[in-house]
């Protein structure tokens, strides 16, 4: 097995533990997305950014009026898993092996619905704002962009968030093997750059989204699901 594939499945095993134990609140987010998609009256196109295996979004899109699905992820193994799942929808489908930021900057299509989960926060603030501009351009008039991201408390910085998150690991992450807990702690410490709700809403307004709202925050206020209107 090649190194990139081995790395993917090592990380994927940890991610699936997060799904299984719902430590990232995928159940709540998935249920809200499904309700939102079922409420759409006419056919719509769906762009799934950093889609992974597409498990969450395919579950949300089953038996809806989705006419075309586009998935984007930099991982070929993830896209291979996604391809099998998206086929269940029976709609036109396209998969792109690319980083979501590169896809957005070079894309000239628009989509009725866009979803991006747990990915934007890896960027620095200016890159987040630039990406938000591309997201607005890619959202069709009257369309909707959904975003699920970690959030800072008021006045909290990155170091404060990391300390707060690490302090809340006991309990939810107890069933995880020690190596998985350590890997997650390292990831949050080294890679996560969350923003406040106010910053996310402000950057969306500056990008041209007409309205932003919060559909969900977890009990510990670590994550929020946003809905932005084009």
C-alpha atoms as a PDB file:
ATOM      1  CA  UNK A   1       0.000   0.000   0.000  1.00  0.00           C
ATOM      2  CA  UNK A   2       1.429   3.388  -0.956  1.00  0.00           C
ATOM      3  CA  UNK A   3       2.153   5.980   1.729  1.00  0.00           C
ATOM      4  CA  UNK A   4      -0.661   8.407   0.723  1.00  0.00           C
ATOM      5  CA  UNK A   5      -3.233   5.609   0.756  1.00  0.00           C
ATOM      6  CA  UNK A   6      -1.924   4.238   4.054  1.00  0.00           C
ATOM      7  CA  UNK A   7      -2.055   7.717   5.566  1.00  0.00           C
ATOM      8  CA  UNK A   8      -5.606   8.208   4.313  1.00  0.00           C
ATOM      9  CA  UNK A   9      -6.955   5.016   5.838  1.00  0.00           C
ATOM     10  CA  UNK A  10      -5.108   5.642   9.122  1.00  0.00           C
ATOM     11  CA  UNK A  11      -6.774   9.049   9.374  1.00  0.00           C
ATOM     12  CA  UNK A  12     -10.073   7.712   8.080  1.00  0.00           C
ATOM     13  CA  UNK A  13     -10.220   5.119  10.858  1.00  0.00           C
ATOM     14  CA  UNK A  14     -10.010   7.934  13.425  1.00  0.00           C
ATOM     15  CA  UNK A  15     -12.600   9.995  11.535  1.00  0.00           C
ATOM     16  CA  UNK A  16     -14.990   7.046  11.464  1.00  0.00           C
ATOM     17  CA  UNK A  17     -14.577   6.732  15.239  1.00  0.00           C
ATOM     18  CA  UNK A  18     -15.687  10.371  15.494  1.00  0.00           C
ATOM     19  CA  UNK A  19     -18.742   9.544  13.368  1.00  0.00           C
ATOM     20  CA  UNK A  20     -19.543   6.379  15.323  1.00  0.00           C
ATOM     21  CA  UNK A  21     -19.403   8.168  18.683  1.00  0.00           C
ATOM     22  CA  UNK A  22     -20.883  11.406  17.286  1.00  0.00           C
ATOM     23  CA  UNK A  23     -18.121  13.530  18.809  1.00  0.00           C
ATOM     24  CA  UNK A  24     -18.381  15.982  15.883  1.00  0.00           C
ATOM     25  CA  UNK A  25     -22.200  16.066  15.944  1.00  0.00           C
ATOM     26  CA  UNK A  26     -22.672  14.625  12.460  1.00  0.00           C
ATOM     27  CA  UNK A  27     -26.054  13.167  13.445  1.00  0.00           C
ATOM     28  CA  UNK A  28     -27.499  16.544  14.335  1.00  0.00           C
ATOM     29  CA  UNK A  29     -25.987  18.281  11.310  1.00  0.00           C
ATOM     30  CA  UNK A  30     -27.078  15.490   8.972  1.00  0.00           C
ATOM     31  CA  UNK A  31     -30.650  15.615  10.268  1.00  0.00           C
ATOM     32  CA  UNK A  32     -30.827  19.388   9.759  1.00  0.00           C
ATOM     33  CA  UNK A  33     -29.383  19.163   6.253  1.00  0.00           C
ATOM     34  CA  UNK A  34     -31.867  16.445   5.353  1.00  0.00           C
ATOM     35  CA  UNK A  35     -34.783  18.536   6.586  1.00  0.00           C
ATOM     36  CA  UNK A  36     -33.483  21.519   4.608  1.00  0.00           C
ATOM     37  CA  UNK A  37     -33.071  19.471   1.413  1.00  0.00           C
ATOM     38  CA  UNK A  38     -36.505  17.868   1.701  1.00  0.00           C
ATOM     39  CA  UNK A  39     -38.055  21.340   1.989  1.00  0.00           C
ATOM     40  CA  UNK A  40     -36.675  22.438  -1.388  1.00  0.00           C
ATOM     41  CA  UNK A  41     -39.565  22.535  -3.832  1.00  0.00           C
ATOM     42  CA  UNK A  42     -37.840  22.236  -7.209  1.00  0.00           C
ATOM     43  CA  UNK A  43     -34.816  20.456  -8.730  1.00  0.00           C
ATOM     44  CA  UNK A  44     -31.453  21.730  -7.494  1.00  0.00           C
ATOM     45  CA  UNK A  45     -27.759  21.193  -8.069  1.00  0.00           C
ATOM     46  CA  UNK A  46     -25.539  20.310  -5.105  1.00  0.00           C
ATOM     47  CA  UNK A  47     -21.827  21.032  -4.627  1.00  0.00           C
ATOM     48  CA  UNK A  48     -20.183  19.005  -1.855  1.00  0.00           C
ATOM     49  CA  UNK A  49     -16.800  20.539  -0.994  1.00  0.00           C
ATOM     50  CA  UNK A  50     -14.186  18.460   0.868  1.00  0.00           C
ATOM     51  CA  UNK A  51     -16.760  15.714   0.478  1.00  0.00           C
ATOM     52  CA  UNK A  52     -14.753  12.788   1.862  1.00  0.00           C
ATOM     53  CA  UNK A  53     -16.805   9.632   1.357  1.00  0.00           C
ATOM     54  CA  UNK A  54     -20.014  11.726   0.928  1.00  0.00           C
ATOM     55  CA  UNK A  55     -21.762   9.691   3.609  1.00  0.00           C
ATOM     56  CA  UNK A  56     -23.371  12.636   5.412  1.00  0.00           C
ATOM     57  CA  UNK A  57     -24.550  14.449   2.296  1.00  0.00           C
ATOM     58  CA  UNK A  58     -25.822  11.379   0.450  1.00  0.00           C
ATOM     59  CA  UNK A  59     -27.937  10.526   3.487  1.00  0.00           C
ATOM     60  CA  UNK A  60     -29.293  14.087   3.458  1.00  0.00           C
ATOM     61  CA  UNK A  61     -30.025  13.995  -0.279  1.00  0.00           C
ATOM     62  CA  UNK A  62     -31.849  10.654  -0.588  1.00  0.00           C
ATOM     63  CA  UNK A  63     -35.409  11.016  -1.923  1.00  0.00           C
ATOM     64  CA  UNK A  64     -34.976  14.747  -2.547  1.00  0.00           C
ATOM     65  CA  UNK A  65     -35.184  16.680  -5.836  1.00  0.00           C
ATOM     66  CA  UNK A  66     -31.405  16.843  -6.306  1.00  0.00           C
ATOM     67  CA  UNK A  67     -30.774  16.899 -10.057  1.00  0.00           C
ATOM     68  CA  UNK A  68     -26.974  16.875 -10.101  1.00  0.00           C
ATOM     69  CA  UNK A  69     -24.280  16.199  -7.509  1.00  0.00           C
ATOM     70  CA  UNK A  70     -20.694  17.468  -7.686  1.00  0.00           C
ATOM     71  CA  UNK A  71     -18.187  16.263  -5.107  1.00  0.00           C
ATOM     72  CA  UNK A  72     -14.708  17.688  -4.536  1.00  0.00           C
ATOM     73  CA  UNK A  73     -11.928  16.177  -2.423  1.00  0.00           C
ATOM     74  CA  UNK A  74      -8.125  16.026  -2.677  1.00  0.00           C
ATOM     75  CA  UNK A  75      -8.109  12.330  -1.689  1.00  0.00           C
ATOM     76  CA  UNK A  76      -8.535   9.724  -4.420  1.00  0.00           C
ATOM     77  CA  UNK A  77      -9.402   6.955  -1.892  1.00  0.00           C
ATOM     78  CA  UNK A  78     -12.118   9.177  -0.409  1.00  0.00           C
ATOM     79  CA  UNK A  79     -13.565   9.866  -3.860  1.00  0.00           C
ATOM     80  CA  UNK A  80     -13.598   6.152  -4.641  1.00  0.00           C
ATOM     81  CA  UNK A  81     -15.790   5.613  -1.583  1.00  0.00           C
ATOM     82  CA  UNK A  82     -17.905   8.644  -2.498  1.00  0.00           C
ATOM     83  CA  UNK A  83     -18.515   7.390  -6.031  1.00  0.00           C
ATOM     84  CA  UNK A  84     -20.197   4.238  -4.782  1.00  0.00           C
ATOM     85  CA  UNK A  85     -22.424   6.114  -2.362  1.00  0.00           C
ATOM     86  CA  UNK A  86     -23.413   8.952  -4.693  1.00  0.00           C
ATOM     87  CA  UNK A  87     -24.546   6.409  -7.295  1.00  0.00           C
ATOM     88  CA  UNK A  88     -27.445   5.619  -4.933  1.00  0.00           C
ATOM     89  CA  UNK A  89     -28.941   9.056  -5.627  1.00  0.00           C
ATOM     90  CA  UNK A  90     -29.612   8.240  -9.274  1.00  0.00           C
ATOM     91  CA  UNK A  91     -28.824  11.788 -10.417  1.00  0.00           C
ATOM     92  CA  UNK A  92     -26.107  13.227 -12.628  1.00  0.00           C
ATOM     93  CA  UNK A  93     -22.851  13.106 -10.673  1.00  0.00           C
ATOM     94  CA  UNK A  94     -19.340  14.473 -11.092  1.00  0.00           C
ATOM     95  CA  UNK A  95     -16.332  13.969  -8.815  1.00  0.00           C
ATOM     96  CA  UNK A  96     -13.224  16.173  -8.831  1.00  0.00           C
ATOM     97  CA  UNK A  97      -9.922  15.222  -7.214  1.00  0.00           C
ATOM     98  CA  UNK A  98      -8.803  18.652  -6.015  1.00  0.00           C
ATOM     99  CA  UNK A  99      -8.331  20.832  -2.977  1.00  0.00           C
ATOM    100  CA  UNK A 100     -11.602  22.676  -2.448  1.00  0.00           C
ATOM    101  CA  UNK A 101      -9.913  26.098  -2.481  1.00  0.00           C
ATOM    102  CA  UNK A 102      -8.246  25.385  -5.827  1.00  0.00           C
ATOM    103  CA  UNK A 103     -11.505  24.075  -7.250  1.00  0.00           C
ATOM    104  CA  UNK A 104     -13.381  27.196  -6.180  1.00  0.00           C
ATOM    105  CA  UNK A 105     -10.793  29.633  -7.513  1.00  0.00           C
ATOM    106  CA  UNK A 106     -10.843  27.996 -10.947  1.00  0.00           C
ATOM    107  CA  UNK A 107     -14.543  27.170 -11.154  1.00  0.00           C
ATOM    108  CA  UNK A 108     -17.005  29.060 -13.353  1.00  0.00           C
ATOM    109  CA  UNK A 109     -20.155  27.032 -12.604  1.00  0.00           C
ATOM    110  CA  UNK A 110     -22.829  27.979 -10.077  1.00  0.00           C
ATOM    111  CA  UNK A 111     -24.795  25.644  -7.814  1.00  0.00           C
ATOM    112  CA  UNK A 112     -28.124  25.910  -6.054  1.00  0.00           C
ATOM    113  CA  UNK A 113     -26.800  24.380  -2.829  1.00  0.00           C
ATOM    114  CA  UNK A 114     -23.224  24.213  -1.519  1.00  0.00           C
ATOM    115  CA  UNK A 115     -22.030  22.359   1.580  1.00  0.00           C
ATOM    116  CA  UNK A 116     -18.607  22.659   3.229  1.00  0.00           C
ATOM    117  CA  UNK A 117     -17.955  20.882   6.500  1.00  0.00           C
ATOM    118  CA  UNK A 118     -15.062  21.083   8.968  1.00  0.00           C
ATOM    119  CA  UNK A 119     -12.548  22.353   6.407  1.00  0.00           C
ATOM    120  CA  UNK A 120     -12.529  26.152   6.093  1.00  0.00           C
ATOM    121  CA  UNK A 121     -11.026  26.537   9.571  1.00  0.00           C
ATOM    122  CA  UNK A 122      -7.719  25.054   8.403  1.00  0.00           C
ATOM    123  CA  UNK A 123      -7.035  28.275   6.449  1.00  0.00           C
ATOM    124  CA  UNK A 124      -5.612  31.532   7.751  1.00  0.00           C
ATOM    125  CA  UNK A 125      -8.139  34.373   8.171  1.00  0.00           C
ATOM    126  CA  UNK A 126      -7.349  36.190   4.918  1.00  0.00           C
ATOM    127  CA  UNK A 127      -7.521  32.922   2.983  1.00  0.00           C
ATOM    128  CA  UNK A 128     -10.885  32.193   4.621  1.00  0.00           C
ATOM    129  CA  UNK A 129     -12.188  35.571   3.478  1.00  0.00           C
ATOM    130  CA  UNK A 130     -10.911  35.056  -0.053  1.00  0.00           C
ATOM    131  CA  UNK A 131     -12.496  31.610  -0.138  1.00  0.00           C
ATOM    132  CA  UNK A 132     -15.785  33.110   1.052  1.00  0.00           C
ATOM    133  CA  UNK A 133     -15.671  35.422  -1.972  1.00  0.00           C
ATOM    134  CA  UNK A 134     -15.288  32.403  -4.253  1.00  0.00           C
ATOM    135  CA  UNK A 135     -18.100  30.613  -2.428  1.00  0.00           C
ATOM    136  CA  UNK A 136     -20.452  33.536  -3.021  1.00  0.00           C
ATOM    137  CA  UNK A 137     -19.540  33.641  -6.700  1.00  0.00           C
ATOM    138  CA  UNK A 138     -20.200  29.900  -6.953  1.00  0.00           C
ATOM    139  CA  UNK A 139     -23.603  30.059  -5.237  1.00  0.00           C
ATOM    140  CA  UNK A 140     -26.364  30.580  -7.787  1.00  0.00           C
ATOM    141  CA  UNK A 141     -28.737  33.558  -7.362  1.00  0.00           C
ATOM    142  CA  UNK A 142     -31.297  32.540  -4.765  1.00  0.00           C
ATOM    143  CA  UNK A 143     -29.075  29.626  -3.740  1.00  0.00           C
ATOM    144  CA  UNK A 144     -27.829  28.561  -0.335  1.00  0.00           C
ATOM    145  CA  UNK A 145     -24.435  27.830   1.188  1.00  0.00           C
ATOM    146  CA  UNK A 146     -24.226  25.648   4.312  1.00  0.00           C
ATOM    147  CA  UNK A 147     -21.056  25.583   6.399  1.00  0.00           C
ATOM    148  CA  UNK A 148     -20.222  23.539   9.508  1.00  0.00           C
ATOM    149  CA  UNK A 149     -17.163  24.790  11.409  1.00  0.00           C
ATOM    150  CA  UNK A 150     -15.554  25.028  14.849  1.00  0.00           C
ATOM    151  CA  UNK A 151     -16.089  28.390  16.520  1.00  0.00           C
ATOM    152  CA  UNK A 152     -14.347  30.633  19.033  1.00  0.00           C
ATOM    153  CA  UNK A 153     -16.108  32.033  22.079  1.00  0.00           C
ATOM    154  CA  UNK A 154     -16.301  35.826  22.328  1.00  0.00           C
ATOM    155  CA  UNK A 155     -12.817  37.209  22.887  1.00  0.00           C
ATOM    156  CA  UNK A 156     -11.243  33.753  22.662  1.00  0.00           C
ATOM    157  CA  UNK A 157      -8.092  33.174  20.601  1.00  0.00           C
ATOM    158  CA  UNK A 158      -6.818  30.051  18.925  1.00  0.00           C
ATOM    159  CA  UNK A 159      -4.792  28.972  21.969  1.00  0.00           C
ATOM    160  CA  UNK A 160      -7.828  29.380  24.189  1.00  0.00           C
ATOM    161  CA  UNK A 161      -9.914  27.267  21.847  1.00  0.00           C
ATOM    162  CA  UNK A 162      -7.312  24.489  21.766  1.00  0.00           C
ATOM    163  CA  UNK A 163      -7.078  24.471  25.563  1.00  0.00           C
ATOM    164  CA  UNK A 164     -10.879  24.426  25.909  1.00  0.00           C
ATOM    165  CA  UNK A 165     -11.235  21.619  23.349  1.00  0.00           C
ATOM    166  CA  UNK A 166      -8.511  19.485  24.957  1.00  0.00           C
ATOM    167  CA  UNK A 167     -10.124  20.012  28.363  1.00  0.00           C
ATOM    168  CA  UNK A 168     -13.422  18.660  27.038  1.00  0.00           C
ATOM    169  CA  UNK A 169     -11.975  15.428  25.595  1.00  0.00           C
ATOM    170  CA  UNK A 170     -12.578  13.402  28.745  1.00  0.00           C
ATOM    171  CA  UNK A 171     -15.867  11.607  28.367  1.00  0.00           C
ATOM    172  CA  UNK A 172     -16.730  11.906  24.663  1.00  0.00           C
ATOM    173  CA  UNK A 173     -13.361  10.545  23.530  1.00  0.00           C
ATOM    174  CA  UNK A 174     -12.876   7.934  26.283  1.00  0.00           C
ATOM    175  CA  UNK A 175     -13.829   5.024  23.957  1.00  0.00           C
ATOM    176  CA  UNK A 176     -11.070   5.989  21.488  1.00  0.00           C
ATOM    177  CA  UNK A 177      -7.696   4.205  21.590  1.00  0.00           C
ATOM    178  CA  UNK A 178      -4.966   6.333  23.149  1.00  0.00           C
ATOM    179  CA  UNK A 179      -3.173   6.715  19.796  1.00  0.00           C
ATOM    180  CA  UNK A 180      -6.349   8.088  18.215  1.00  0.00           C
ATOM    181  CA  UNK A 181      -6.887  10.566  21.060  1.00  0.00           C
ATOM    182  CA  UNK A 182      -3.310  11.759  20.762  1.00  0.00           C
ATOM    183  CA  UNK A 183      -3.605  12.123  16.987  1.00  0.00           C
ATOM    184  CA  UNK A 184      -6.776  14.195  17.351  1.00  0.00           C
ATOM    185  CA  UNK A 185      -5.199  16.398  20.000  1.00  0.00           C
ATOM    186  CA  UNK A 186      -2.180  16.949  17.760  1.00  0.00           C
ATOM    187  CA  UNK A 187      -4.404  17.810  14.806  1.00  0.00           C
ATOM    188  CA  UNK A 188      -6.406  20.390  16.736  1.00  0.00           C
ATOM    189  CA  UNK A 189      -3.256  21.883  18.230  1.00  0.00           C
ATOM    190  CA  UNK A 190      -1.361  22.135  14.955  1.00  0.00           C
ATOM    191  CA  UNK A 191      -3.980  22.644  12.245  1.00  0.00           C
ATOM    192  CA  UNK A 192      -7.197  24.202  13.528  1.00  0.00           C
ATOM    193  CA  UNK A 193      -7.740  27.937  13.137  1.00  0.00           C
ATOM    194  CA  UNK A 194     -11.376  28.566  14.069  1.00  0.00           C
ATOM    195  CA  UNK A 195     -13.063  31.960  13.968  1.00  0.00           C
ATOM    196  CA  UNK A 196     -15.876  33.512  15.979  1.00  0.00           C
ATOM    197  CA  UNK A 197     -19.440  33.350  14.734  1.00  0.00           C
ATOM    198  CA  UNK A 198     -19.272  37.115  14.256  1.00  0.00           C
ATOM    199  CA  UNK A 199     -16.215  36.840  12.018  1.00  0.00           C
ATOM    200  CA  UNK A 200     -17.806  34.159   9.848  1.00  0.00           C
ATOM    201  CA  UNK A 201     -20.999  36.186   9.479  1.00  0.00           C
ATOM    202  CA  UNK A 202     -19.058  39.366   8.709  1.00  0.00           C
ATOM    203  CA  UNK A 203     -16.904  37.715   6.045  1.00  0.00           C
ATOM    204  CA  UNK A 204     -20.038  36.271   4.428  1.00  0.00           C
ATOM    205  CA  UNK A 205     -21.685  39.720   4.325  1.00  0.00           C
ATOM    206  CA  UNK A 206     -18.535  41.228   2.823  1.00  0.00           C
ATOM    207  CA  UNK A 207     -18.525  38.487   0.199  1.00  0.00           C
ATOM    208  CA  UNK A 208     -22.073  39.421  -0.831  1.00  0.00           C
ATOM    209  CA  UNK A 209     -24.292  36.860   0.887  1.00  0.00           C
ATOM    210  CA  UNK A 210     -27.558  38.607   1.720  1.00  0.00           C
ATOM    211  CA  UNK A 211     -28.293  36.866   5.000  1.00  0.00           C
ATOM    212  CA  UNK A 212     -26.606  34.457   7.389  1.00  0.00           C
ATOM    213  CA  UNK A 213     -28.091  32.414  10.211  1.00  0.00           C
ATOM    214  CA  UNK A 214     -27.071  29.738  12.697  1.00  0.00           C
ATOM    215  CA  UNK A 215     -28.997  26.472  12.414  1.00  0.00           C
ATOM    216  CA  UNK A 216     -27.159  24.550  15.136  1.00  0.00           C
ATOM    217  CA  UNK A 217     -24.534  24.866  17.844  1.00  0.00           C
ATOM    218  CA  UNK A 218     -23.467  21.930  19.987  1.00  0.00           C
ATOM    219  CA  UNK A 219     -23.980  22.020  23.776  1.00  0.00           C
ATOM    220  CA  UNK A 220     -20.333  22.924  24.387  1.00  0.00           C
ATOM    221  CA  UNK A 221     -20.309  25.687  21.761  1.00  0.00           C
ATOM    222  CA  UNK A 222     -17.421  24.125  19.853  1.00  0.00           C
ATOM    223  CA  UNK A 223     -19.159  23.899  16.462  1.00  0.00           C
ATOM    224  CA  UNK A 224     -21.824  25.748  14.486  1.00  0.00           C
ATOM    225  CA  UNK A 225     -23.824  25.036  11.349  1.00  0.00           C
ATOM    226  CA  UNK A 226     -24.292  28.191   9.255  1.00  0.00           C
ATOM    227  CA  UNK A 227     -26.760  28.895   6.456  1.00  0.00           C
ATOM    228  CA  UNK A 228     -25.958  31.715   4.031  1.00  0.00           C
ATOM    229  CA  UNK A 229     -28.374  33.030   1.396  1.00  0.00           C
ATOM    230  CA  UNK A 230     -27.172  34.297  -1.992  1.00  0.00           C
END
